[in-house]
C-alpha atoms as a PDB file:
ATOM      1  CA  MET A   1     114.765 109.319 127.446  1.00  0.00           C
ATOM      2  CA  THR A   2     112.024 107.570 129.455  1.00  0.00           C
ATOM      3  CA  THR A   3     108.470 108.241 129.053  1.00  0.00           C
ATOM      4  CA  PHE A   4     104.635 107.947 130.448  1.00  0.00           C
ATOM      5  CA  PRO A   5     101.587 107.640 128.233  1.00  0.00           C
ATOM      6  CA  SER A   6      99.269 110.347 127.668  1.00  0.00           C
ATOM      7  CA  PRO A   7      95.850 110.226 127.128  1.00  0.00           C
ATOM      8  CA  ALA A   8      95.504 113.623 125.091  1.00  0.00           C
ATOM      9  CA  ASP A   9      97.413 115.239 122.126  1.00  0.00           C
ATOM     10  CA  SER A  10      97.648 118.930 120.794  1.00  0.00           C
ATOM     11  CA  PRO A  11      98.222 119.869 117.097  1.00  0.00           C
ATOM     12  CA  GLN A  12     101.665 119.045 115.936  1.00  0.00           C
ATOM     13  CA  GLY A  13     104.111 121.113 117.137  1.00  0.00           C
ATOM     14  CA  VAL A  14     102.173 123.125 119.648  1.00  0.00           C
ATOM     15  CA  HIS A  15     102.683 122.939 123.797  1.00  0.00           C
ATOM     16  CA  ARG A  16     100.402 124.699 124.916  1.00  0.00           C
ATOM     17  CA  ILE A  17     101.605 123.996 128.850  1.00  0.00           C
ATOM     18  CA  VAL A  18     105.217 123.151 130.091  1.00  0.00           C
ATOM     19  CA  VAL A  19     106.278 122.380 132.990  1.00  0.00           C
ATOM     20  CA  LEU A  20     110.865 121.840 133.009  1.00  0.00           C
ATOM     21  CA  THR A  21     112.346 120.836 136.225  1.00  0.00           C
ATOM     22  CA  PHE A  22     115.876 119.451 137.454  1.00  0.00           C
ATOM     23  CA  ASP A  23     117.277 117.158 139.175  1.00  0.00           C
ATOM     24  CA  SER A  24     118.927 120.315 140.694  1.00  0.00           C
ATOM     25  CA  LEU A  25     119.791 123.776 140.400  1.00  0.00           C
ATOM     26  CA  PRO A  26     122.389 126.436 142.034  1.00  0.00           C
ATOM     27  CA  THR A  27     121.501 128.973 144.369  1.00  0.00           C
ATOM     28  CA  VAL A  28     119.595 132.124 142.036  1.00  0.00           C
ATOM     29  CA  GLU A  29     122.847 134.180 142.098  1.00  0.00           C
ATOM     30  CA  TRP A  30     124.570 131.318 140.379  1.00  0.00           C
ATOM     31  CA  ILE A  31     121.900 131.166 137.811  1.00  0.00           C
ATOM     32  CA  HIS A  32     123.494 133.035 134.616  1.00  0.00           C
ATOM     33  CA  SER A  33     120.914 131.724 131.841  1.00  0.00           C
ATOM     34  CA  PRO A  34     120.204 134.842 129.239  1.00  0.00           C
ATOM     35  CA  ARG A  35     117.164 133.057 128.302  1.00  0.00           C
ATOM     36  CA  LEU A  36     115.648 132.089 131.904  1.00  0.00           C
ATOM     37  CA  ARG A  37     116.070 135.878 132.493  1.00  0.00           C
ATOM     38  CA  ARG A  38     114.301 137.125 129.627  1.00  0.00           C
ATOM     39  CA  LEU A  39     111.576 134.643 130.996  1.00  0.00           C
ATOM     40  CA  GLU A  40     111.681 136.073 134.169  1.00  0.00           C
ATOM     41  CA  LEU A  41     110.415 139.381 132.545  1.00  0.00           C
ATOM     42  CA  GLN A  42     107.132 137.741 131.554  1.00  0.00           C
ATOM     43  CA  SER A  43     106.765 135.685 134.964  1.00  0.00           C
ATOM     44  CA  LEU A  44     105.560 134.938 138.832  1.00  0.00           C
ATOM     45  CA  PHE A  45     108.722 134.249 140.835  1.00  0.00           C
ATOM     46  CA  PHE A  46     108.132 132.404 143.768  1.00  0.00           C
ATOM     47  CA  GLU A  47     110.686 133.426 146.168  1.00  0.00           C
ATOM     48  CA  ARG A  48     109.221 130.823 148.912  1.00  0.00           C
ATOM     49  CA  HIS A  49     108.498 128.099 147.195  1.00  0.00           C
ATOM     50  CA  TYR A  50     109.541 124.422 148.620  1.00  0.00           C
ATOM     51  CA  SER A  51     109.574 120.945 146.781  1.00  0.00           C
ATOM     52  CA  GLN A  52     108.095 118.160 147.692  1.00  0.00           C
ATOM     53  CA  ILE A  53     109.487 115.822 145.490  1.00  0.00           C
ATOM     54  CA  GLN A  54     112.275 113.534 146.829  1.00  0.00           C
ATOM     55  CA  SER A  55     113.704 111.830 143.616  1.00  0.00           C
ATOM     56  CA  ALA A  56     112.912 111.785 139.801  1.00  0.00           C
ATOM     57  CA  ASP A  57     111.677 108.143 140.455  1.00  0.00           C
ATOM     58  CA  HIS A  58     109.113 110.143 143.235  1.00  0.00           C
ATOM     59  CA  LEU A  59     108.178 112.314 140.827  1.00  0.00           C
ATOM     60  CA  GLY A  60     107.695 109.735 138.030  1.00  0.00           C
ATOM     61  CA  GLN A  61     105.213 108.435 140.587  1.00  0.00           C
ATOM     62  CA  LEU A  62     103.083 111.357 141.820  1.00  0.00           C
ATOM     63  CA  LEU A  63     102.822 112.365 137.880  1.00  0.00           C
ATOM     64  CA  HIS A  64     101.602 108.840 137.054  1.00  0.00           C
ATOM     65  CA  GLU A  65      98.664 109.556 139.869  1.00  0.00           C
ATOM     66  CA  TRP A  66      98.091 113.082 138.671  1.00  0.00           C
ATOM     67  CA  GLN A  67      97.465 111.876 135.035  1.00  0.00           C
ATOM     68  CA  ILE A  68      93.697 110.629 136.275  1.00  0.00           C
ATOM     69  CA  GLN A  69      92.837 114.349 136.469  1.00  0.00           C
ATOM     70  CA  ILE A  70      95.522 115.945 133.861  1.00  0.00           C
ATOM     71  CA  PRO A  71      95.998 114.810 130.576  1.00  0.00           C
ATOM     72  CA  LEU A  72      99.928 115.281 130.452  1.00  0.00           C
ATOM     73  CA  LYS A  73     103.263 113.826 129.313  1.00  0.00           C
ATOM     74  CA  PHE A  74     106.145 113.011 131.381  1.00  0.00           C
ATOM     75  CA  VAL A  75     109.627 112.730 129.977  1.00  0.00           C
ATOM     76  CA  MET A  76     112.967 112.698 131.628  1.00  0.00           C
ATOM     77  CA  PHE A  77     116.397 113.676 129.834  1.00  0.00           C
ATOM     78  CA  ARG A  78     119.914 113.891 130.186  1.00  0.00           C
ATOM     79  CA  PRO A  79     121.300 117.403 129.963  1.00  0.00           C
ATOM     80  CA  ASP A  80     123.817 115.640 126.565  1.00  0.00           C
ATOM     81  CA  GLU A  81     120.188 114.447 125.376  1.00  0.00           C
ATOM     82  CA  ILE A  82     119.626 117.975 125.061  1.00  0.00           C
ATOM     83  CA  ILE A  83     122.757 120.295 124.689  1.00  0.00           C
ATOM     84  CA  GLU A  84     123.689 117.937 121.506  1.00  0.00           C
ATOM     85  CA  ASN A  85     120.552 117.275 119.967  1.00  0.00           C
ATOM     86  CA  SER A  86     118.897 120.677 118.922  1.00  0.00           C
ATOM     87  CA  THR A  87     116.095 118.528 117.297  1.00  0.00           C
ATOM     88  CA  TRP A  88     115.046 116.692 120.692  1.00  0.00           C
ATOM     89  CA  LEU A  89     111.762 118.220 121.076  1.00  0.00           C
ATOM     90  CA  GLU A  90     110.978 117.277 117.773  1.00  0.00           C
ATOM     91  CA  SER A  91     110.668 113.593 119.364  1.00  0.00           C
ATOM     92  CA  ASN A  92     107.139 111.997 117.693  1.00  0.00           C
ATOM     93  CA  GLU A  93     106.754 110.725 121.662  1.00  0.00           C
ATOM     94  CA  ILE A  94     106.450 114.332 123.009  1.00  0.00           C
ATOM     95  CA  CYS A  95     105.979 116.726 119.898  1.00  0.00           C
ATOM     96  CA  GLY A  96     102.079 118.216 120.203  1.00  0.00           C
ATOM     97  CA  GLN A  97     101.372 117.402 123.895  1.00  0.00           C
ATOM     98  CA  SER A  98      98.737 119.511 125.318  1.00  0.00           C
ATOM     99  CA  VAL A  99     100.798 119.533 128.886  1.00  0.00           C
ATOM    100  CA  LEU A 100     104.363 117.993 128.612  1.00  0.00           C
ATOM    101  CA  TRP A 101     106.170 117.773 131.923  1.00  0.00           C
ATOM    102  CA  ILE A 102     109.886 117.371 131.171  1.00  0.00           C
ATOM    103  CA  HIS A 103     112.146 116.469 133.730  1.00  0.00           C
ATOM    104  CA  ILE A 104     116.209 116.968 133.266  1.00  0.00           C
ATOM    105  CA  LEU A 105     118.243 114.337 134.982  1.00  0.00           C
ATOM    106  CA  ASN A 106     121.260 116.616 136.016  1.00  0.00           C
ATOM    107  CA  ALA A 107     122.605 115.774 139.383  1.00  0.00           C
ATOM    108  CA  PRO A 108     126.118 116.230 139.381  1.00  0.00           C
ATOM    109  CA  SER A 109     128.563 113.460 138.994  1.00  0.00           C
ATOM    110  CA  PRO A 110     131.324 112.386 141.577  1.00  0.00           C
ATOM    111  CA  ASP A 111     133.896 114.498 140.328  1.00  0.00           C
ATOM    112  CA  GLU A 112     132.261 117.446 139.254  1.00  0.00           C
ATOM    113  CA  THR A 113     133.254 120.639 141.098  1.00  0.00           C
ATOM    114  CA  ASN A 114     130.388 123.434 141.633  1.00  0.00           C
ATOM    115  CA  GLU A 115     131.735 125.390 139.228  1.00  0.00           C
ATOM    116  CA  GLN A 116     131.560 122.760 136.172  1.00  0.00           C
ATOM    117  CA  PHE A 117     127.893 121.420 137.756  1.00  0.00           C
ATOM    118  CA  CYS A 118     126.888 125.364 137.086  1.00  0.00           C
ATOM    119  CA  ARG A 119     128.335 125.575 134.024  1.00  0.00           C
ATOM    120  CA  ARG A 120     126.459 122.313 132.584  1.00  0.00           C
ATOM    121  CA  THR A 121     123.342 123.075 134.019  1.00  0.00           C
ATOM    122  CA  MET A 122     123.323 126.746 132.771  1.00  0.00           C
ATOM    123  CA  GLU A 123     124.279 125.218 129.181  1.00  0.00           C
ATOM    124  CA  THR A 124     121.004 122.866 129.515  1.00  0.00           C
ATOM    125  CA  MET A 125     118.499 125.174 130.409  1.00  0.00           C
ATOM    126  CA  GLU A 126     120.143 127.559 127.708  1.00  0.00           C
ATOM    127  CA  ALA A 127     119.499 124.352 125.012  1.00  0.00           C
ATOM    128  CA  ALA A 128     116.309 123.625 126.705  1.00  0.00           C
ATOM    129  CA  LEU A 129     114.390 127.057 126.638  1.00  0.00           C
ATOM    130  CA  ALA A 130     115.747 127.660 123.185  1.00  0.00           C
ATOM    131  CA  GLY A 131     113.274 125.049 122.249  1.00  0.00           C
ATOM    132  CA  LEU A 132     110.376 125.733 124.478  1.00  0.00           C
ATOM    133  CA  GLU A 133     110.467 129.664 124.725  1.00  0.00           C
ATOM    134  CA  PHE A 134     108.262 130.271 121.722  1.00  0.00           C
ATOM    135  CA  THR A 135     106.203 126.922 121.494  1.00  0.00           C
ATOM    136  CA  SER A 136     104.401 127.054 125.216  1.00  0.00           C
ATOM    137  CA  ARG A 137     101.531 128.938 126.206  1.00  0.00           C
ATOM    138  CA  TYR A 138     102.316 128.314 129.588  1.00  0.00           C
ATOM    139  CA  LEU A 139     106.267 127.567 130.805  1.00  0.00           C
ATOM    140  CA  MET A 140     107.138 126.957 134.562  1.00  0.00           C
ATOM    141  CA  VAL A 141     110.899 126.144 135.664  1.00  0.00           C
ATOM    142  CA  SER A 142     111.761 124.532 139.232  1.00  0.00           C
ATOM    143  CA  ALA A 143     114.127 122.004 140.560  1.00  0.00           C
ATOM    144  CA  ILE A 144     113.693 119.015 142.979  1.00  0.00           C
ATOM    145  CA  GLN A 145     116.562 120.412 145.161  1.00  0.00           C
ATOM    146  CA  THR A 146     118.617 123.763 145.446  1.00  0.00           C
ATOM    147  CA  LEU A 147     122.477 122.852 145.822  1.00  0.00           C
ATOM    148  CA  VAL A 148     124.195 125.236 147.858  1.00  0.00           C
ATOM    149  CA  ALA A 149     128.259 124.907 147.672  1.00  0.00           C
ATOM    150  CA  ALA A 150     130.204 123.807 150.952  1.00  0.00           C
ATOM    151  CA  ASP A 151     132.176 126.206 152.884  1.00  0.00           C
ATOM    152  CA  ASN A 152     135.500 123.833 152.660  1.00  0.00           C
ATOM    153  CA  SER A 153     135.090 122.031 149.328  1.00  0.00           C
ATOM    154  CA  GLY A 154     134.463 122.871 145.608  1.00  0.00           C
ATOM    155  CA  MET A 155     132.812 119.741 144.999  1.00  0.00           C
ATOM    156  CA  ALA A 156     129.181 119.723 143.915  1.00  0.00           C
ATOM    157  CA  VAL A 157     128.145 116.272 145.386  1.00  0.00           C
ATOM    158  CA  ASP A 158     129.323 117.575 148.833  1.00  0.00           C
ATOM    159  CA  SER A 159     127.179 120.520 148.474  1.00  0.00           C
ATOM    160  CA  GLN A 160     124.173 120.834 150.921  1.00  0.00           C
ATOM    161  CA  GLN A 161     120.738 119.515 149.331  1.00  0.00           C
ATOM    162  CA  TRP A 162     117.737 122.072 149.991  1.00  0.00           C
ATOM    163  CA  PRO A 163     114.273 121.880 149.529  1.00  0.00           C
ATOM    164  CA  LYS A 164     113.310 125.927 149.139  1.00  0.00           C
ATOM    165  CA  VAL A 165     113.729 126.178 145.206  1.00  0.00           C
ATOM    166  CA  PRO A 166     113.303 128.888 142.466  1.00  0.00           C
ATOM    167  CA  LEU A 167     110.110 128.616 140.993  1.00  0.00           C
ATOM    168  CA  TRP A 168     109.373 130.776 137.538  1.00  0.00           C
ATOM    169  CA  CYS A 169     106.055 130.725 136.146  1.00  0.00           C
ATOM    170  CA  ARG A 170     105.200 132.328 132.855  1.00  0.00           C
ATOM    171  CA  LEU A 171     101.262 133.083 132.020  1.00  0.00           C
ATOM    172  CA  PRO A 172     100.085 134.833 128.903  1.00  0.00           C
ATOM    173  CA  ASN A 173      99.884 138.827 129.806  1.00  0.00           C
ATOM    174  CA  HIS A 174     101.709 139.107 132.809  1.00  0.00           C
ATOM    175  CA  ARG A 175     104.629 140.554 133.518  1.00  0.00           C
ATOM    176  CA  MET A 176     107.374 139.687 136.369  1.00  0.00           C
ATOM    177  CA  GLN A 177     106.296 139.458 139.781  1.00  0.00           C
ATOM    178  CA  ARG A 178     108.112 138.576 142.540  1.00  0.00           C
ATOM    179  CA  VAL A 179     105.787 136.453 144.987  1.00  0.00           C
ATOM    180  CA  GLN A 180     106.294 136.027 148.640  1.00  0.00           C
ATOM    181  CA  ARG A 181     103.503 133.511 149.510  1.00  0.00           C
ATOM    182  CA  LEU A 182     104.618 130.295 150.459  1.00  0.00           C
ATOM    183  CA  SER A 183     104.151 127.776 147.517  1.00  0.00           C
ATOM    184  CA  GLY A 184     104.903 123.890 147.288  1.00  0.00           C
ATOM    185  CA  SER A 185     105.398 121.382 144.499  1.00  0.00           C
ATOM    186  CA  ASN A 186     101.346 119.979 145.043  1.00  0.00           C
ATOM    187  CA  ASP A 187     100.065 123.208 144.131  1.00  0.00           C
ATOM    188  CA  LEU A 188     101.006 122.083 140.587  1.00  0.00           C
ATOM    189  CA  ASN A 189      98.422 119.747 140.152  1.00  0.00           C
ATOM    190  CA  PRO A 190      95.387 122.587 140.599  1.00  0.00           C
ATOM    191  CA  THR A 191      97.540 124.706 138.830  1.00  0.00           C
ATOM    192  CA  LEU A 192      98.045 122.564 135.893  1.00  0.00           C
ATOM    193  CA  ARG A 193      94.369 121.381 136.026  1.00  0.00           C
ATOM    194  CA  ALA A 194      93.065 125.148 136.025  1.00  0.00           C
ATOM    195  CA  MET A 195      95.520 125.750 132.918  1.00  0.00           C
ATOM    196  CA  ALA A 196      94.457 122.561 131.076  1.00  0.00           C
ATOM    197  CA  SER A 197      90.717 123.443 131.176  1.00  0.00           C
ATOM    198  CA  GLY A 198      91.057 126.993 130.818  1.00  0.00           C
ATOM    199  CA  SER A 199      89.681 127.813 134.465  1.00  0.00           C
ATOM    200  CA  LEU A 200      92.738 129.577 135.366  1.00  0.00           C
ATOM    201  CA  LYS A 201      91.250 132.702 137.058  1.00  0.00           C
ATOM    202  CA  PRO A 202      92.636 135.410 140.047  1.00  0.00           C
ATOM    203  CA  ALA A 203      92.092 135.416 143.286  1.00  0.00           C
ATOM    204  CA  THR A 204      88.916 135.488 145.274  1.00  0.00           C
ATOM    205  CA  ASN A 205      87.699 137.042 148.306  1.00  0.00           C
ATOM    206  CA  ASP A 206      87.822 133.302 149.987  1.00  0.00           C
ATOM    207  CA  LEU A 207      90.834 133.000 149.554  1.00  0.00           C
ATOM    208  CA  GLN A 208      92.063 136.182 150.859  1.00  0.00           C
ATOM    209  CA  ALA A 209      90.024 135.587 153.868  1.00  0.00           C
ATOM    210  CA  GLN A 210      92.117 132.595 154.582  1.00  0.00           C
ATOM    211  CA  SER A 211      94.923 134.481 155.141  1.00  0.00           C
ATOM    212  CA  SER A 212      95.314 135.743 159.255  1.00  0.00           C
ATOM    213  CA  PRO A 213      97.016 139.073 159.995  1.00  0.00           C
ATOM    214  CA  ASP A 214      97.824 138.054 163.011  1.00  0.00           C
ATOM    215  CA  ARG A 215     101.601 136.730 163.130  1.00  0.00           C
ATOM    216  CA  GLU A 216     101.215 134.792 166.413  1.00  0.00           C
ATOM    217  CA  VAL A 217     101.465 130.929 166.065  1.00  0.00           C
ATOM    218  CA  THR A 218      99.101 129.261 168.799  1.00  0.00           C
ATOM    219  CA  ASP A 219      96.956 126.595 167.056  1.00  0.00           C
ATOM    220  CA  SER A 220      97.813 124.077 164.229  1.00  0.00           C
ATOM    221  CA  SER A 221      94.473 124.381 162.937  1.00  0.00           C
ATOM    222  CA  ARG A 222      94.901 127.968 161.309  1.00  0.00           C
ATOM    223  CA  TRP A 223      97.635 126.158 158.731  1.00  0.00           C
ATOM    224  CA  SER A 224      96.287 124.982 155.815  1.00  0.00           C
ATOM    225  CA  THR A 225      97.956 121.960 153.642  1.00  0.00           C
ATOM    226  CA  HIS A 226      95.392 122.023 151.121  1.00  0.00           C
ATOM    227  CA  PRO A 227      97.025 122.553 147.381  1.00  0.00           C
ATOM    228  CA  GLN A 228      96.093 126.433 145.580  1.00  0.00           C
ATOM    229  CA  GLU A 229      96.150 127.530 142.410  1.00  0.00           C
ATOM    230  CA  LEU A 230      99.584 129.858 141.979  1.00  0.00           C
ATOM    231  CA  LEU A 231      97.610 132.444 139.998  1.00  0.00           C
ATOM    232  CA  LYS A 232      95.280 132.674 142.982  1.00  0.00           C
ATOM    233  CA  LEU A 233      98.390 132.593 145.924  1.00  0.00           C
ATOM    234  CA  SER A 234     100.226 135.245 143.475  1.00  0.00           C
ATOM    235  CA  GLU A 235      97.413 138.449 143.607  1.00  0.00           C
ATOM    236  CA  SER A 236      96.059 137.277 146.947  1.00  0.00           C
ATOM    237  CA  GLN A 237      96.181 139.975 149.605  1.00  0.00           C
ATOM    238  CA  GLY A 238      96.637 140.808 152.895  1.00  0.00           C
ATOM    239  CA  ASP A 239      99.371 139.967 155.131  1.00  0.00           C
ATOM    240  CA  GLU A 240     101.364 136.528 154.816  1.00  0.00           C
ATOM    241  CA  ASP A 241      99.063 133.610 154.918  1.00  0.00           C
ATOM    242  CA  ASN A 242      98.708 130.538 157.154  1.00  0.00           C
ATOM    243  CA  ARG A 243      99.664 127.540 155.072  1.00  0.00           C
ATOM    244  CA  ALA A 244     102.003 125.118 156.340  1.00  0.00           C
ATOM    245  CA  ILE A 245     104.078 123.190 153.389  1.00  0.00           C
ATOM    246  CA  CYS A 246     104.939 119.762 154.638  1.00  0.00           C
ATOM    247  CA  ILE A 247     108.130 118.140 153.266  1.00  0.00           C
ATOM    248  CA  GLU A 248     109.738 114.507 153.247  1.00  0.00           C
ATOM    249  CA  THR A 249     113.060 114.073 152.305  1.00  0.00           C
ATOM    250  CA  GLY A 250     115.054 111.214 152.710  1.00  0.00           C
ATOM    251  CA  ALA A 251     117.022 112.018 155.801  1.00  0.00           C
ATOM    252  CA  ARG A 252     114.185 114.336 157.672  1.00  0.00           C
ATOM    253  CA  ARG A 253     110.322 115.432 157.124  1.00  0.00           C
ATOM    254  CA  LEU A 254     109.803 119.208 157.877  1.00  0.00           C
ATOM    255  CA  VAL A 255     106.731 121.252 157.932  1.00  0.00           C
ATOM    256  CA  CYS A 256     107.435 125.021 156.893  1.00  0.00           C
ATOM    257  CA  THR A 257     105.213 128.030 157.703  1.00  0.00           C
ATOM    258  CA  ALA A 258     105.803 131.891 156.743  1.00  0.00           C
ATOM    259  CA  ASP A 259     107.574 132.186 160.303  1.00  0.00           C
ATOM    260  CA  PHE A 260     108.927 129.287 160.939  1.00  0.00           C
ATOM    261  CA  VAL A 261     110.996 125.961 159.652  1.00  0.00           C
ATOM    262  CA  PHE A 262     110.183 122.536 161.704  1.00  0.00           C
ATOM    263  CA  ALA A 263     112.801 119.861 161.246  1.00  0.00           C
ATOM    264  CA  GLN A 264     112.707 116.536 162.606  1.00  0.00           C
ATOM    265  CA  ASN A 265     115.042 113.539 161.630  1.00  0.00           C
ATOM    266  CA  ARG A 266     113.665 110.459 160.844  1.00  0.00           C
ATOM    267  CA  PRO A 267     113.516 107.492 162.942  1.00  0.00           C
ATOM    268  CA  ALA A 268     116.901 105.270 163.076  1.00  0.00           C
ATOM    269  CA  GLU A 269     115.726 101.536 161.213  1.00  0.00           C
ATOM    270  CA  SER A 270     118.043 100.076 164.704  1.00  0.00           C
ATOM    271  CA  SER A 271     115.736 101.693 167.215  1.00  0.00           C
ATOM    272  CA  ASP A 272     114.076 100.127 170.061  1.00  0.00           C
ATOM    273  CA  ASP A 273     111.714 103.314 170.746  1.00  0.00           C
ATOM    274  CA  LEU A 274     111.051 105.191 167.462  1.00  0.00           C
ATOM    275  CA  GLN A 275     108.610 107.338 168.571  1.00  0.00           C
ATOM    276  CA  GLN A 276     111.750 108.835 170.930  1.00  0.00           C
ATOM    277  CA  GLU A 277     113.811 109.141 167.771  1.00  0.00           C
ATOM    278  CA  TRP A 278     111.186 111.909 166.201  1.00  0.00           C
ATOM    279  CA  HIS A 279     112.386 114.070 169.089  1.00  0.00           C
ATOM    280  CA  ASP A 280     115.549 114.837 167.740  1.00  0.00           C
ATOM    281  CA  HIS A 281     114.299 118.066 166.122  1.00  0.00           C
ATOM    282  CA  GLN A 282     115.355 121.771 165.120  1.00  0.00           C
ATOM    283  CA  LEU A 283     113.401 125.011 164.829  1.00  0.00           C
ATOM    284  CA  PHE A 284     114.173 127.988 162.923  1.00  0.00           C
ATOM    285  CA  VAL A 285     112.426 130.759 162.533  1.00  0.00           C
ATOM    286  CA  LEU A 286     112.214 133.113 159.519  1.00  0.00           C
ATOM    287  CA  PRO A 287     113.088 135.263 157.730  1.00  0.00           C
ATOM    288  CA  GLU A 288     116.153 135.827 159.914  1.00  0.00           C
ATOM    289  CA  ASP A 289     117.727 132.899 159.856  1.00  0.00           C
ATOM    290  CA  PHE A 290     117.313 132.163 155.850  1.00  0.00           C
ATOM    291  CA  TRP A 291     120.002 128.934 155.900  1.00  0.00           C
ATOM    292  CA  HIS A 292     118.552 127.205 159.148  1.00  0.00           C
ATOM    293  CA  GLN A 293     121.584 127.798 161.410  1.00  0.00           C
ATOM    294  CA  ASN A 294     120.268 128.455 164.597  1.00  0.00           C
ATOM    295  CA  ASP A 295     117.637 125.972 166.392  1.00  0.00           C
ATOM    296  CA  GLN A 296     115.207 127.753 168.818  1.00  0.00           C
ATOM    297  CA  SER A 297     113.646 124.911 169.947  1.00  0.00           C
ATOM    298  CA  ARG A 298     114.217 125.873 173.688  1.00  0.00           C
ATOM    299  CA  VAL A 299     112.931 129.455 172.752  1.00  0.00           C
ATOM    300  CA  TYR A 300     109.454 128.498 170.691  1.00  0.00           C
ATOM    301  CA  GLU A 301     108.370 125.347 173.044  1.00  0.00           C
ATOM    302  CA  SER A 302     104.715 125.867 172.417  1.00  0.00           C
ATOM    303  CA  VAL A 303     105.204 126.233 168.610  1.00  0.00           C
ATOM    304  CA  ILE A 304     107.213 122.753 168.593  1.00  0.00           C
ATOM    305  CA  GLU A 305     104.259 120.966 170.274  1.00  0.00           C
ATOM    306  CA  ASP A 306     101.718 122.802 167.649  1.00  0.00           C
ATOM    307  CA  LEU A 307     104.224 121.955 164.408  1.00  0.00           C
ATOM    308  CA  SER A 308     104.771 118.516 165.458  1.00  0.00           C
ATOM    309  CA  ARG A 309     101.003 117.613 165.587  1.00  0.00           C
ATOM    310  CA  GLN A 310     100.858 118.890 162.325  1.00  0.00           C
ATOM    311  CA  LEU A 311     103.103 117.053 160.952  1.00  0.00           C
ATOM    312  CA  ASN A 312     102.025 113.959 162.899  1.00  0.00           C
ATOM    313  CA  ASP A 313      98.450 114.690 161.177  1.00  0.00           C
ATOM    314  CA  GLN A 314      99.877 114.564 157.808  1.00  0.00           C
ATOM    315  CA  GLN A 315     101.287 110.734 158.173  1.00  0.00           C
ATOM    316  CA  PRO A 316      99.109 108.183 156.343  1.00  0.00           C
END
């Protein structure tokens, strides 16, 4: 188990706010966890949530920065540490933390089939939620990536890695609600800050005004990448928002909007013309092309220009 220091504690045995994340989760239809289904009945379920985290190490670095604003404790467990130890949550290092982020290192092993990966992951989720279900006021569950089984292989390591991941967010006095608004991992920062300070509030007209009823994409300035509180996103009314979720992965960078997913391959290290390499891109139209199979770059050339500019604006 790896831990990071926490600036503040809560009364013994009480976890006021908990985030539970996994290296990988299978697609939602493969998730068969009775405890998660019970949690879902009390949760906001963000169906268009994108992971902006590249790995467990990247998550640790990110949360180390967040600790300047949020009194959180970050811990990582292997599945066997939870499955085989019913008292794992009683560790003195994590017991009673006011804001607790638990990450499960459950990446598939080289000899593990998709079925074995799903079974092990669900067993881990059941064991983790058994300890967290009744000891947390706020509880969020998500992952760094979704594994989509390959058509020609039964091995989990051959599965396609997907940045679109499920996010369940249980709030006090809330019932199940499916949220279609775009969200990303960075939205957890203002959400956790609001939860920790007790200032989590419903949406206001200011946020609603940011939504544009016009779905035609003509100007990259219309897209906002600023992180927002998840509760405000879920309660905002109107047509689809103008958000853009920017993502860096090991091989590509992407920008996701309500209507498009634009992907660029990383430049090859050996290339003499790195700028030219960025021209290798794909554009997928949503919601029709859910699995991002049909490149429509030649059809929406103006959109390519706008979204490429959006990605370049995000570079340090």
